[in-house]
Amino acid sequence: MRRGFAVVAFALAVSACSSYDNPSGNPAGPTTAPPGAIVINVVGERGALSFSPNPATVAVGETVVWHNVDTETHRVVFDDRQLDTGDIAPERFSQAMTLPGPRPYHCSIHPDMTGTIQGPQ
C-alpha cells in the first residue's frame, strides 16, 4: 500500500512540477531551490561525474532539485521516462519528487551524462 501511495504522490508531484519549473512561462526555470530540497548539481559532460552528488540518497517524499552549474543547457530524464525536467539553462534549477531508488537518470541532450538516485540505506 505504501508503494502505491508513493507512486500516486510521485505522479501528482511530477504534474505539479511544471508550475514550479516554469511559473512565468520562462523555459529557463527558477533561480532558487525551495528550502529543505536535496540539490544535485549538474556539473558538465563527465560521464558518471556529471552530477554531484552521484549517487544521491533521497527518501520517499523528499524534494530533489537539479541545479545546472555548467555553461550548457541540460535536460534530466529518468531512464524509465517517469520524469523529464525539460531544458535546464545554466544557473537554473528544475524540481522533481522521486520514487524510491534506485532511479537511474541521464541528460537527454548529452546521453553520456549519467546519474542515480538511491533510497536511504
PDB file of N, CA and C in Angstrom:
ATOM      1  N   MET A   1       0.819  -1.190   0.000  1.00  0.00           N
ATOM      2  CA  MET A   1       0.000   0.000   0.000  1.00  0.00           C
ATOM      3  C   MET A   1       0.867   1.260   0.000  1.00  0.00           C
ATOM      4  N   ARG A   2       1.940   1.233   0.809  1.00  0.00           N
ATOM      5  CA  ARG A   2       2.818   2.401   0.897  1.00  0.00           C
ATOM      6  C   ARG A   2       3.439   2.704  -0.458  1.00  0.00           C
ATOM      7  N   ARG A   3       3.839   1.649  -1.189  1.00  0.00           N
ATOM      8  CA  ARG A   3       4.436   1.856  -2.509  1.00  0.00           C
ATOM      9  C   ARG A   3       3.424   2.469  -3.462  1.00  0.00           C
ATOM     10  N   GLY A   4       2.161   2.009  -3.389  1.00  0.00           N
ATOM     11  CA  GLY A   4       1.119   2.580  -4.232  1.00  0.00           C
ATOM     12  C   GLY A   4       0.920   4.054  -3.949  1.00  0.00           C
ATOM     13  N   PHE A   5       0.949   4.425  -2.673  1.00  0.00           N
ATOM     14  CA  PHE A   5       0.839   5.830  -2.292  1.00  0.00           C
ATOM     15  C   PHE A   5       2.001   6.628  -2.862  1.00  0.00           C
ATOM     16  N   ALA A   6       3.211   6.050  -2.802  1.00  0.00           N
ATOM     17  CA  ALA A   6       4.391   6.753  -3.323  1.00  0.00           C
ATOM     18  C   ALA A   6       4.257   6.995  -4.816  1.00  0.00           C
ATOM     19  N   VAL A   7       3.715   6.019  -5.547  1.00  0.00           N
ATOM     20  CA  VAL A   7       3.544   6.176  -6.987  1.00  0.00           C
ATOM     21  C   VAL A   7       2.549   7.290  -7.274  1.00  0.00           C
ATOM     22  N   VAL A   8       1.431   7.312  -6.538  1.00  0.00           N
ATOM     23  CA  VAL A   8       0.436   8.365  -6.729  1.00  0.00           C
ATOM     24  C   VAL A   8       1.031   9.716  -6.368  1.00  0.00           C
ATOM     25  N   ALA A   9       1.740   9.790  -5.236  1.00  0.00           N
ATOM     26  CA  ALA A   9       2.362  11.049  -4.816  1.00  0.00           C
ATOM     27  C   ALA A   9       3.362  11.523  -5.860  1.00  0.00           C
ATOM     28  N   PHE A  10       4.115  10.596  -6.425  1.00  0.00           N
ATOM     29  CA  PHE A  10       5.092  10.946  -7.453  1.00  0.00           C
ATOM     30  C   PHE A  10       4.394  11.514  -8.683  1.00  0.00           C
ATOM     31  N   ALA A  11       3.335  10.849  -9.120  1.00  0.00           N
ATOM     32  CA  ALA A  11       2.628  11.314 -10.310  1.00  0.00           C
ATOM     33  C   ALA A  11       2.063  12.717 -10.092  1.00  0.00           C
ATOM     34  N   LEU A  12       1.490  12.950  -8.921  1.00  0.00           N
ATOM     35  CA  LEU A  12       0.973  14.280  -8.618  1.00  0.00           C
ATOM     36  C   LEU A  12       2.091  15.307  -8.575  1.00  0.00           C
ATOM     37  N   ALA A  13       3.217  14.928  -7.988  1.00  0.00           N
ATOM     38  CA  ALA A  13       4.337  15.869  -7.881  1.00  0.00           C
ATOM     39  C   ALA A  13       4.901  16.215  -9.243  1.00  0.00           C
ATOM     40  N   VAL A  14       5.025  15.219 -10.121  1.00  0.00           N
ATOM     41  CA  VAL A  14       5.549  15.492 -11.452  1.00  0.00           C
ATOM     42  C   VAL A  14       4.608  16.412 -12.207  1.00  0.00           C
ATOM     43  N   SER A  15       3.302  16.190 -12.069  1.00  0.00           N
ATOM     44  CA  SER A  15       2.376  17.077 -12.775  1.00  0.00           C
ATOM     45  C   SER A  15       2.417  18.474 -12.197  1.00  0.00           C
ATOM     46  N   ALA A  16       2.728  18.594 -10.909  1.00  0.00           N
ATOM     47  CA  ALA A  16       2.831  19.909 -10.281  1.00  0.00           C
ATOM     48  C   ALA A  16       4.155  20.585 -10.597  1.00  0.00           C
ATOM     49  N   CYS A  17       5.144  19.822 -11.023  1.00  0.00           N
ATOM     50  CA  CYS A  17       6.467  20.382 -11.284  1.00  0.00           C
ATOM     51  C   CYS A  17       6.433  21.472 -12.335  1.00  0.00           C
ATOM     52  N   SER A  18       5.580  21.326 -13.320  1.00  0.00           N
ATOM     53  CA  SER A  18       5.595  22.314 -14.386  1.00  0.00           C
ATOM     54  C   SER A  18       5.282  23.706 -13.853  1.00  0.00           C
ATOM     55  N   SER A  19       4.468  23.803 -12.813  1.00  0.00           N
ATOM     56  CA  SER A  19       4.182  25.122 -12.277  1.00  0.00           C
ATOM     57  C   SER A  19       5.375  25.674 -11.517  1.00  0.00           C
ATOM     58  N   TYR A  20       6.181  24.819 -10.926  1.00  0.00           N
ATOM     59  CA  TYR A  20       7.381  25.291 -10.237  1.00  0.00           C
ATOM     60  C   TYR A  20       8.476  25.599 -11.236  1.00  0.00           C
ATOM     61  N   ASP A  21       8.693  24.682 -12.160  1.00  0.00           N
ATOM     62  CA  ASP A  21       9.776  24.842 -13.126  1.00  0.00           C
ATOM     63  C   ASP A  21       9.560  26.044 -14.024  1.00  0.00           C
ATOM     64  N   ASN A  22       8.342  26.383 -14.266  1.00  0.00           N
ATOM     65  CA  ASN A  22       8.053  27.352 -15.308  1.00  0.00           C
ATOM     66  C   ASN A  22       6.927  28.290 -14.868  1.00  0.00           C
ATOM     67  N   PRO A  23       7.061  28.962 -13.710  1.00  0.00           N
ATOM     68  CA  PRO A  23       5.950  29.757 -13.207  1.00  0.00           C
ATOM     69  C   PRO A  23       5.598  30.948 -14.077  1.00  0.00           C
ATOM     70  N   SER A  24       6.518  31.454 -14.854  1.00  0.00           N
ATOM     71  CA  SER A  24       6.250  32.648 -15.657  1.00  0.00           C
ATOM     72  C   SER A  24       6.292  32.372 -17.148  1.00  0.00           C
ATOM     73  N   GLY A  25       6.319  31.074 -17.512  1.00  0.00           N
ATOM     74  CA  GLY A  25       6.436  30.741 -18.920  1.00  0.00           C
ATOM     75  C   GLY A  25       7.868  30.787 -19.418  1.00  0.00           C
ATOM     76  N   ASN A  26       8.835  31.053 -18.532  1.00  0.00           N
ATOM     77  CA  ASN A  26      10.247  31.103 -18.891  1.00  0.00           C
ATOM     78  C   ASN A  26      10.816  29.692 -18.866  1.00  0.00           C
ATOM     79  N   PRO A  27      11.242  29.130 -20.008  1.00  0.00           N
ATOM     80  CA  PRO A  27      11.730  27.753 -20.023  1.00  0.00           C
ATOM     81  C   PRO A  27      13.042  27.570 -19.271  1.00  0.00           C
ATOM     82  N   ALA A  28      13.662  28.637 -18.821  1.00  0.00           N
ATOM     83  CA  ALA A  28      14.940  28.517 -18.124  1.00  0.00           C
ATOM     84  C   ALA A  28      14.770  27.955 -16.720  1.00  0.00           C
ATOM     85  N   GLY A  29      13.604  28.090 -16.116  1.00  0.00           N
ATOM     86  CA  GLY A  29      13.367  27.582 -14.770  1.00  0.00           C
ATOM     87  C   GLY A  29      13.711  28.606 -13.710  1.00  0.00           C
ATOM     88  N   PRO A  30      13.436  28.287 -12.443  1.00  0.00           N
ATOM     89  CA  PRO A  30      13.677  29.224 -11.344  1.00  0.00           C
ATOM     90  C   PRO A  30      15.158  29.367 -11.023  1.00  0.00           C
ATOM     91  N   THR A  31      15.496  30.389 -10.263  1.00  0.00           N
ATOM     92  CA  THR A  31      16.894  30.632  -9.902  1.00  0.00           C
ATOM     93  C   THR A  31      17.211  30.243  -8.471  1.00  0.00           C
ATOM     94  N   THR A  32      16.236  29.711  -7.729  1.00  0.00           N
ATOM     95  CA  THR A  32      16.481  29.255  -6.357  1.00  0.00           C
ATOM     96  C   THR A  32      15.802  27.921  -6.131  1.00  0.00           C
ATOM     97  N   ALA A  33      16.300  27.186  -5.156  1.00  0.00           N
ATOM     98  CA  ALA A  33      15.701  25.911  -4.769  1.00  0.00           C
ATOM     99  C   ALA A  33      14.820  26.141  -3.547  1.00  0.00           C
ATOM    100  N   PRO A  34      13.747  25.359  -3.395  1.00  0.00           N
ATOM    101  CA  PRO A  34      12.919  25.504  -2.211  1.00  0.00           C
ATOM    102  C   PRO A  34      13.682  25.061  -0.961  1.00  0.00           C
ATOM    103  N   PRO A  35      13.339  25.610   0.204  1.00  0.00           N
ATOM    104  CA  PRO A  35      14.020  25.217   1.444  1.00  0.00           C
ATOM    105  C   PRO A  35      13.906  23.714   1.701  1.00  0.00           C
ATOM    106  N   GLY A  36      14.986  23.103   2.148  1.00  0.00           N
ATOM    107  CA  GLY A  36      14.995  21.685   2.500  1.00  0.00           C
ATOM    108  C   GLY A  36      15.131  20.727   1.341  1.00  0.00           C
ATOM    109  N   ALA A  37      15.269  21.223   0.123  1.00  0.00           N
ATOM    110  CA  ALA A  37      15.379  20.348  -1.039  1.00  0.00           C
ATOM    111  C   ALA A  37      16.754  19.694  -1.096  1.00  0.00           C
ATOM    112  N   ILE A  38      16.812  18.486  -1.658  1.00  0.00           N
ATOM    113  CA  ILE A  38      18.069  17.812  -1.963  1.00  0.00           C
ATOM    114  C   ILE A  38      18.529  18.376  -3.305  1.00  0.00           C
ATOM    115  N   VAL A  39      19.687  19.010  -3.351  1.00  0.00           N
ATOM    116  CA  VAL A  39      20.182  19.627  -4.585  1.00  0.00           C
ATOM    117  C   VAL A  39      21.230  18.731  -5.226  1.00  0.00           C
ATOM    118  N   ILE A  40      21.022  18.426  -6.498  1.00  0.00           N
ATOM    119  CA  ILE A  40      22.002  17.694  -7.296  1.00  0.00           C
ATOM    120  C   ILE A  40      22.534  18.678  -8.334  1.00  0.00           C
ATOM    121  N   ASN A  41      23.824  18.951  -8.292  1.00  0.00           N
ATOM    122  CA  ASN A  41      24.441  19.863  -9.249  1.00  0.00           C
ATOM    123  C   ASN A  41      24.722  19.149 -10.560  1.00  0.00           C
ATOM    124  N   VAL A  42      24.381  19.790 -11.657  1.00  0.00           N
ATOM    125  CA  VAL A  42      24.724  19.315 -12.997  1.00  0.00           C
ATOM    126  C   VAL A  42      26.016  20.047 -13.346  1.00  0.00           C
ATOM    127  N   VAL A  43      27.139  19.309 -13.354  1.00  0.00           N
ATOM    128  CA  VAL A  43      28.445  19.962 -13.452  1.00  0.00           C
ATOM    129  C   VAL A  43      29.076  19.921 -14.833  1.00  0.00           C
ATOM    130  N   GLY A  44      28.537  19.149 -15.763  1.00  0.00           N
ATOM    131  CA  GLY A  44      29.087  19.132 -17.120  1.00  0.00           C
ATOM    132  C   GLY A  44      29.187  17.730 -17.666  1.00  0.00           C
ATOM    133  N   GLU A  45      29.654  17.604 -18.886  1.00  0.00           N
ATOM    134  CA  GLU A  45      29.768  16.304 -19.552  1.00  0.00           C
ATOM    135  C   GLU A  45      30.983  15.541 -19.040  1.00  0.00           C
ATOM    136  N   ARG A  46      30.757  14.724 -18.030  1.00  0.00           N
ATOM    137  CA  ARG A  46      31.845  13.940 -17.424  1.00  0.00           C
ATOM    138  C   ARG A  46      31.377  12.533 -17.067  1.00  0.00           C
ATOM    139  N   GLY A  47      30.507  11.960 -17.879  1.00  0.00           N
ATOM    140  CA  GLY A  47      30.010  10.618 -17.609  1.00  0.00           C
ATOM    141  C   GLY A  47      29.320  10.551 -16.262  1.00  0.00           C
ATOM    142  N   ALA A  48      29.718   9.583 -15.424  1.00  0.00           N
ATOM    143  CA  ALA A  48      29.122   9.415 -14.099  1.00  0.00           C
ATOM    144  C   ALA A  48      29.520  10.544 -13.147  1.00  0.00           C
ATOM    145  N   LEU A  49      30.489  11.362 -13.520  1.00  0.00           N
ATOM    146  CA  LEU A  49      30.895  12.500 -12.688  1.00  0.00           C
ATOM    147  C   LEU A  49      30.170  13.780 -13.111  1.00  0.00           C
ATOM    148  N   SER A  50      29.146  13.654 -13.950  1.00  0.00           N
ATOM    149  CA  SER A  50      28.408  14.802 -14.467  1.00  0.00           C
ATOM    150  C   SER A  50      27.462  15.414 -13.449  1.00  0.00           C
ATOM    151  N   PHE A  51      27.105  14.631 -12.419  1.00  0.00           N
ATOM    152  CA  PHE A  51      26.162  15.076 -11.409  1.00  0.00           C
ATOM    153  C   PHE A  51      26.803  14.928 -10.037  1.00  0.00           C
ATOM    154  N   SER A  52      26.530  15.863  -9.145  1.00  0.00           N
ATOM    155  CA  SER A  52      27.115  15.817  -7.812  1.00  0.00           C
ATOM    156  C   SER A  52      26.074  16.230  -6.774  1.00  0.00           C
ATOM    157  N   PRO A  53      25.789  15.331  -5.811  1.00  0.00           N
ATOM    158  CA  PRO A  53      26.401  14.024  -5.601  1.00  0.00           C
ATOM    159  C   PRO A  53      25.848  12.980  -6.564  1.00  0.00           C
ATOM    160  N   ASN A  54      26.608  11.937  -6.766  1.00  0.00           N
ATOM    161  CA  ASN A  54      26.194  10.807  -7.586  1.00  0.00           C
ATOM    162  C   ASN A  54      26.848   9.540  -7.050  1.00  0.00           C
ATOM    163  N   PRO A  55      26.066   8.618  -6.523  1.00  0.00           N
ATOM    164  CA  PRO A  55      24.613   8.653  -6.435  1.00  0.00           C
ATOM    165  C   PRO A  55      24.148   9.609  -5.337  1.00  0.00           C
ATOM    166  N   ALA A  56      22.901  10.043  -5.447  1.00  0.00           N
ATOM    167  CA  ALA A  56      22.278  10.891  -4.429  1.00  0.00           C
ATOM    168  C   ALA A  56      21.303  10.040  -3.628  1.00  0.00           C
ATOM    169  N   THR A  57      21.312  10.186  -2.315  1.00  0.00           N
ATOM    170  CA  THR A  57      20.401   9.441  -1.455  1.00  0.00           C
ATOM    171  C   THR A  57      19.199  10.320  -1.141  1.00  0.00           C
ATOM    172  N   VAL A  58      18.022   9.811  -1.491  1.00  0.00           N
ATOM    173  CA  VAL A  58      16.784  10.575  -1.337  1.00  0.00           C
ATOM    174  C   VAL A  58      15.705   9.665  -0.767  1.00  0.00           C
ATOM    175  N   ALA A  59      15.049  10.109   0.289  1.00  0.00           N
ATOM    176  CA  ALA A  59      13.938   9.355   0.871  1.00  0.00           C
ATOM    177  C   ALA A  59      12.652   9.682   0.112  1.00  0.00           C
ATOM    178  N   VAL A  60      11.683   8.752   0.162  1.00  0.00           N
ATOM    179  CA  VAL A  60      10.394   8.971  -0.474  1.00  0.00           C
ATOM    180  C   VAL A  60       9.776  10.252   0.091  1.00  0.00           C
ATOM    181  N   GLY A  61       9.299  11.090  -0.797  1.00  0.00           N
ATOM    182  CA  GLY A  61       8.652  12.330  -0.387  1.00  0.00           C
ATOM    183  C   GLY A  61       9.576  13.527  -0.314  1.00  0.00           C
ATOM    184  N   GLU A  62      10.895  13.306  -0.336  1.00  0.00           N
ATOM    185  CA  GLU A  62      11.817  14.444  -0.332  1.00  0.00           C
ATOM    186  C   GLU A  62      11.838  15.093  -1.719  1.00  0.00           C
ATOM    187  N   THR A  63      12.074  16.384  -1.740  1.00  0.00           N
ATOM    188  CA  THR A  63      12.150  17.132  -2.986  1.00  0.00           C
ATOM    189  C   THR A  63      13.578  17.082  -3.520  1.00  0.00           C
ATOM    190  N   VAL A  64      13.704  16.778  -4.801  1.00  0.00           N
ATOM    191  CA  VAL A  64      15.001  16.783  -5.473  1.00  0.00           C
ATOM    192  C   VAL A  64      15.018  17.951  -6.440  1.00  0.00           C
ATOM    193  N   VAL A  65      16.120  18.685  -6.454  1.00  0.00           N
ATOM    194  CA  VAL A  65      16.267  19.816  -7.360  1.00  0.00           C
ATOM    195  C   VAL A  65      17.599  19.676  -8.087  1.00  0.00           C
ATOM    196  N   TRP A  66      17.545  19.719  -9.417  1.00  0.00           N
ATOM    197  CA  TRP A  66      18.777  19.734 -10.201  1.00  0.00           C
ATOM    198  C   TRP A  66      19.159  21.183 -10.439  1.00  0.00           C
ATOM    199  N   HIS A  67      20.427  21.527 -10.146  1.00  0.00           N
ATOM    200  CA  HIS A  67      20.947  22.888 -10.332  1.00  0.00           C
ATOM    201  C   HIS A  67      22.018  22.816 -11.402  1.00  0.00           C
ATOM    202  N   ASN A  68      21.803  23.489 -12.501  1.00  0.00           N
ATOM    203  CA  ASN A  68      22.748  23.471 -13.612  1.00  0.00           C
ATOM    204  C   ASN A  68      23.848  24.499 -13.352  1.00  0.00           C
ATOM    205  N   VAL A  69      25.012  24.027 -12.897  1.00  0.00           N
ATOM    206  CA  VAL A  69      26.155  24.912 -12.650  1.00  0.00           C
ATOM    207  C   VAL A  69      27.112  24.925 -13.844  1.00  0.00           C
ATOM    208  N   ASP A  70      26.736  24.252 -14.926  1.00  0.00           N
ATOM    209  CA  ASP A  70      27.517  24.210 -16.155  1.00  0.00           C
ATOM    210  C   ASP A  70      27.150  25.417 -17.032  1.00  0.00           C
ATOM    211  N   THR A  71      27.877  25.596 -18.113  1.00  0.00           N
ATOM    212  CA  THR A  71      27.594  26.692 -19.046  1.00  0.00           C
ATOM    213  C   THR A  71      26.684  26.248 -20.186  1.00  0.00           C
ATOM    214  N   GLU A  72      26.351  24.961 -20.249  1.00  0.00           N
ATOM    215  CA  GLU A  72      25.487  24.404 -21.291  1.00  0.00           C
ATOM    216  C   GLU A  72      24.102  24.097 -20.723  1.00  0.00           C
ATOM    217  N   THR A  73      23.098  24.055 -21.579  1.00  0.00           N
ATOM    218  CA  THR A  73      21.755  23.627 -21.190  1.00  0.00           C
ATOM    219  C   THR A  73      21.735  22.110 -21.080  1.00  0.00           C
ATOM    220  N   HIS A  74      21.036  21.584 -20.065  1.00  0.00           N
ATOM    221  CA  HIS A  74      20.902  20.138 -19.862  1.00  0.00           C
ATOM    222  C   HIS A  74      19.439  19.799 -19.634  1.00  0.00           C
ATOM    223  N   ARG A  75      19.115  18.502 -19.722  1.00  0.00           N
ATOM    224  CA  ARG A  75      17.749  18.022 -19.527  1.00  0.00           C
ATOM    225  C   ARG A  75      17.817  16.663 -18.843  1.00  0.00           C
ATOM    226  N   VAL A  76      17.388  16.597 -17.599  1.00  0.00           N
ATOM    227  CA  VAL A  76      17.456  15.363 -16.826  1.00  0.00           C
ATOM    228  C   VAL A  76      16.213  14.522 -17.103  1.00  0.00           C
ATOM    229  N   VAL A  77      16.446  13.240 -17.437  1.00  0.00           N
ATOM    230  CA  VAL A  77      15.364  12.306 -17.733  1.00  0.00           C
ATOM    231  C   VAL A  77      15.662  10.996 -17.012  1.00  0.00           C
ATOM    232  N   PHE A  78      14.675  10.481 -16.256  1.00  0.00           N
ATOM    233  CA  PHE A  78      14.835   9.153 -15.673  1.00  0.00           C
ATOM    234  C   PHE A  78      14.915   8.145 -16.813  1.00  0.00           C
ATOM    235  N   ASP A  79      15.732   7.110 -16.648  1.00  0.00           N
ATOM    236  CA  ASP A  79      15.889   6.104 -17.700  1.00  0.00           C
ATOM    237  C   ASP A  79      14.567   5.434 -18.049  1.00  0.00           C
ATOM    238  N   ASP A  80      13.644   5.315 -17.056  1.00  0.00           N
ATOM    239  CA  ASP A  80      12.342   4.690 -17.323  1.00  0.00           C
ATOM    240  C   ASP A  80      11.306   5.708 -17.822  1.00  0.00           C
ATOM    241  N   ARG A  81      11.748   6.940 -18.075  1.00  0.00           N
ATOM    242  CA  ARG A  81      10.918   8.028 -18.624  1.00  0.00           C
ATOM    243  C   ARG A  81       9.821   8.502 -17.658  1.00  0.00           C
ATOM    244  N   GLN A  82       9.926   8.165 -16.366  1.00  0.00           N
ATOM    245  CA  GLN A  82       8.947   8.620 -15.377  1.00  0.00           C
ATOM    246  C   GLN A  82       9.093  10.103 -15.086  1.00  0.00           C
ATOM    247  N   LEU A  83      10.234  10.698 -15.446  1.00  0.00           N
ATOM    248  CA  LEU A  83      10.472  12.116 -15.196  1.00  0.00           C
ATOM    249  C   LEU A  83      11.285  12.713 -16.329  1.00  0.00           C
ATOM    250  N   ASP A  84      10.915  13.907 -16.735  1.00  0.00           N
ATOM    251  CA  ASP A  84      11.674  14.704 -17.699  1.00  0.00           C
ATOM    252  C   ASP A  84      11.600  16.135 -17.197  1.00  0.00           C
ATOM    253  N   THR A  85      12.736  16.721 -16.800  1.00  0.00           N
ATOM    254  CA  THR A  85      12.741  18.059 -16.225  1.00  0.00           C
ATOM    255  C   THR A  85      12.496  19.158 -17.249  1.00  0.00           C
ATOM    256  N   GLY A  86      12.609  18.837 -18.530  1.00  0.00           N
ATOM    257  CA  GLY A  86      12.628  19.900 -19.526  1.00  0.00           C
ATOM    258  C   GLY A  86      14.023  20.507 -19.531  1.00  0.00           C
ATOM    259  N   ASP A  87      14.274  21.416 -20.431  1.00  0.00           N
ATOM    260  CA  ASP A  87      15.595  22.034 -20.526  1.00  0.00           C
ATOM    261  C   ASP A  87      15.889  22.862 -19.278  1.00  0.00           C
ATOM    262  N   ILE A  88      17.108  22.709 -18.749  1.00  0.00           N
ATOM    263  CA  ILE A  88      17.565  23.480 -17.597  1.00  0.00           C
ATOM    264  C   ILE A  88      18.718  24.354 -18.079  1.00  0.00           C
ATOM    265  N   ALA A  89      18.476  25.642 -18.168  1.00  0.00           N
ATOM    266  CA  ALA A  89      19.501  26.586 -18.615  1.00  0.00           C
ATOM    267  C   ALA A  89      20.587  26.723 -17.550  1.00  0.00           C
ATOM    268  N   PRO A  90      21.764  27.217 -17.922  1.00  0.00           N
ATOM    269  CA  PRO A  90      22.821  27.440 -16.926  1.00  0.00           C
ATOM    270  C   PRO A  90      22.330  28.326 -15.773  1.00  0.00           C
ATOM    271  N   GLU A  91      22.770  27.964 -14.573  1.00  0.00           N
ATOM    272  CA  GLU A  91      22.429  28.661 -13.331  1.00  0.00           C
ATOM    273  C   GLU A  91      20.940  28.675 -13.019  1.00  0.00           C
ATOM    274  N   ARG A  92      20.235  27.640 -13.477  1.00  0.00           N
ATOM    275  CA  ARG A  92      18.807  27.496 -13.173  1.00  0.00           C
ATOM    276  C   ARG A  92      18.567  26.165 -12.480  1.00  0.00           C
ATOM    277  N   PHE A  93      17.411  26.055 -11.865  1.00  0.00           N
ATOM    278  CA  PHE A  93      17.021  24.856 -11.139  1.00  0.00           C
ATOM    279  C   PHE A  93      15.803  24.222 -11.793  1.00  0.00           C
ATOM    280  N   SER A  94      15.674  22.917 -11.622  1.00  0.00           N
ATOM    281  CA  SER A  94      14.483  22.204 -12.026  1.00  0.00           C
ATOM    282  C   SER A  94      14.132  21.234 -10.919  1.00  0.00           C
ATOM    283  N   GLN A  95      12.889  21.195 -10.510  1.00  0.00           N
ATOM    284  CA  GLN A  95      12.463  20.415  -9.346  1.00  0.00           C
ATOM    285  C   GLN A  95      11.698  19.173  -9.752  1.00  0.00           C
ATOM    286  N   ALA A  96      11.812  18.137  -8.921  1.00  0.00           N
ATOM    287  CA  ALA A  96      11.025  16.921  -9.097  1.00  0.00           C
ATOM    288  C   ALA A  96      10.893  16.220  -7.767  1.00  0.00           C
ATOM    289  N   MET A  97       9.866  15.397  -7.620  1.00  0.00           N
ATOM    290  CA  MET A  97       9.740  14.499  -6.487  1.00  0.00           C
ATOM    291  C   MET A  97      10.170  13.130  -6.990  1.00  0.00           C
ATOM    292  N   THR A  98      10.650  12.275  -6.091  1.00  0.00           N
ATOM    293  CA  THR A  98      11.179  10.992  -6.548  1.00  0.00           C
ATOM    294  C   THR A  98      10.472   9.807  -5.922  1.00  0.00           C
ATOM    295  N   LEU A  99      10.521   8.702  -6.622  1.00  0.00           N
ATOM    296  CA  LEU A  99      10.097   7.410  -6.119  1.00  0.00           C
ATOM    297  C   LEU A  99      11.273   6.779  -5.391  1.00  0.00           C
ATOM    298  N   PRO A 100      11.044   5.688  -4.672  1.00  0.00           N
ATOM    299  CA  PRO A 100      12.171   5.009  -4.031  1.00  0.00           C
ATOM    300  C   PRO A 100      13.218   4.605  -5.068  1.00  0.00           C
ATOM    301  N   GLY A 101      14.478   4.627  -4.650  1.00  0.00           N
ATOM    302  CA  GLY A 101      15.570   4.269  -5.544  1.00  0.00           C
ATOM    303  C   GLY A 101      15.692   2.774  -5.704  1.00  0.00           C
ATOM    304  N   PRO A 102      16.572   2.337  -6.578  1.00  0.00           N
ATOM    305  CA  PRO A 102      17.410   3.209  -7.403  1.00  0.00           C
ATOM    306  C   PRO A 102      16.641   3.758  -8.604  1.00  0.00           C
ATOM    307  N   ARG A 103      16.963   4.974  -8.979  1.00  0.00           N
ATOM    308  CA  ARG A 103      16.354   5.650 -10.123  1.00  0.00           C
ATOM    309  C   ARG A 103      17.474   6.166 -11.021  1.00  0.00           C
ATOM    310  N   PRO A 104      17.934   5.382 -11.982  1.00  0.00           N
ATOM    311  CA  PRO A 104      18.970   5.885 -12.888  1.00  0.00           C
ATOM    312  C   PRO A 104      18.395   6.968 -13.798  1.00  0.00           C
ATOM    313  N   TYR A 105      19.233   7.946 -14.126  1.00  0.00           N
ATOM    314  CA  TYR A 105      18.815   9.037 -14.999  1.00  0.00           C
ATOM    315  C   TYR A 105      19.986   9.473 -15.862  1.00  0.00           C
ATOM    316  N   HIS A 106      19.700  10.330 -16.824  1.00  0.00           N
ATOM    317  CA  HIS A 106      20.727  10.827 -17.747  1.00  0.00           C
ATOM    318  C   HIS A 106      20.288  12.190 -18.290  1.00  0.00           C
ATOM    319  N   CYS A 107      21.185  12.852 -18.972  1.00  0.00           N
ATOM    320  CA  CYS A 107      20.864  14.089 -19.695  1.00  0.00           C
ATOM    321  C   CYS A 107      20.464  13.669 -21.107  1.00  0.00           C
ATOM    322  N   SER A 108      19.244  14.013 -21.515  1.00  0.00           N
ATOM    323  CA  SER A 108      18.810  13.588 -22.851  1.00  0.00           C
ATOM    324  C   SER A 108      19.510  14.375 -23.965  1.00  0.00           C
ATOM    325  N   ILE A 109      20.102  15.504 -23.639  1.00  0.00           N
ATOM    326  CA  ILE A 109      20.877  16.279 -24.618  1.00  0.00           C
ATOM    327  C   ILE A 109      22.285  15.702 -24.759  1.00  0.00           C
ATOM    328  N   HIS A 110      22.841  15.238 -23.630  1.00  0.00           N
ATOM    329  CA  HIS A 110      24.191  14.658 -23.586  1.00  0.00           C
ATOM    330  C   HIS A 110      24.083  13.288 -22.910  1.00  0.00           C
ATOM    331  N   PRO A 111      23.694  12.222 -23.644  1.00  0.00           N
ATOM    332  CA  PRO A 111      23.393  10.917 -23.049  1.00  0.00           C
ATOM    333  C   PRO A 111      24.530  10.262 -22.268  1.00  0.00           C
ATOM    334  N   ASP A 112      25.778  10.721 -22.467  1.00  0.00           N
ATOM    335  CA  ASP A 112      26.893  10.152 -21.706  1.00  0.00           C
ATOM    336  C   ASP A 112      26.863  10.632 -20.249  1.00  0.00           C
ATOM    337  N   MET A 113      26.057  11.639 -19.941  1.00  0.00           N
ATOM    338  CA  MET A 113      25.933  12.147 -18.573  1.00  0.00           C
ATOM    339  C   MET A 113      24.925  11.274 -17.844  1.00  0.00           C
ATOM    340  N   THR A 114      25.375  10.542 -16.818  1.00  0.00           N
ATOM    341  CA  THR A 114      24.502   9.596 -16.121  1.00  0.00           C
ATOM    342  C   THR A 114      24.563   9.798 -14.611  1.00  0.00           C
ATOM    343  N   GLY A 115      23.470   9.465 -13.958  1.00  0.00           N
ATOM    344  CA  GLY A 115      23.410   9.556 -12.502  1.00  0.00           C
ATOM    345  C   GLY A 115      22.403   8.572 -11.940  1.00  0.00           C
ATOM    346  N   THR A 116      22.369   8.471 -10.604  1.00  0.00           N
ATOM    347  CA  THR A 116      21.445   7.583  -9.918  1.00  0.00           C
ATOM    348  C   THR A 116      20.950   8.222  -8.634  1.00  0.00           C
ATOM    349  N   ILE A 117      19.650   8.093  -8.404  1.00  0.00           N
ATOM    350  CA  ILE A 117      19.070   8.431  -7.098  1.00  0.00           C
ATOM    351  C   ILE A 117      18.810   7.106  -6.413  1.00  0.00           C
ATOM    352  N   GLN A 118      19.275   6.995  -5.176  1.00  0.00           N
ATOM    353  CA  GLN A 118      19.044   5.775  -4.406  1.00  0.00           C
ATOM    354  C   GLN A 118      18.277   6.111  -3.139  1.00  0.00           C
ATOM    355  N   GLY A 119      17.581   5.118  -2.605  1.00  0.00           N
ATOM    356  CA  GLY A 119      16.861   5.294  -1.355  1.00  0.00           C
ATOM    357  C   GLY A 119      17.827   5.212  -0.186  1.00  0.00           C
ATOM    358  N   PRO A 120      17.365   5.621   0.995  1.00  0.00           N
ATOM    359  CA  PRO A 120      18.223   5.539   2.189  1.00  0.00           C
ATOM    360  C   PRO A 120      18.615   4.097   2.472  1.00  0.00           C
ATOM    361  N   GLN A 121      19.797   3.898   2.989  1.00  0.00           N
ATOM    362  CA  GLN A 121      20.288   2.537   3.301  1.00  0.00           C
ATOM    363  C   GLN A 121      19.794   2.072   4.649  1.00  0.00           C
TER     364      GLN A 121
END
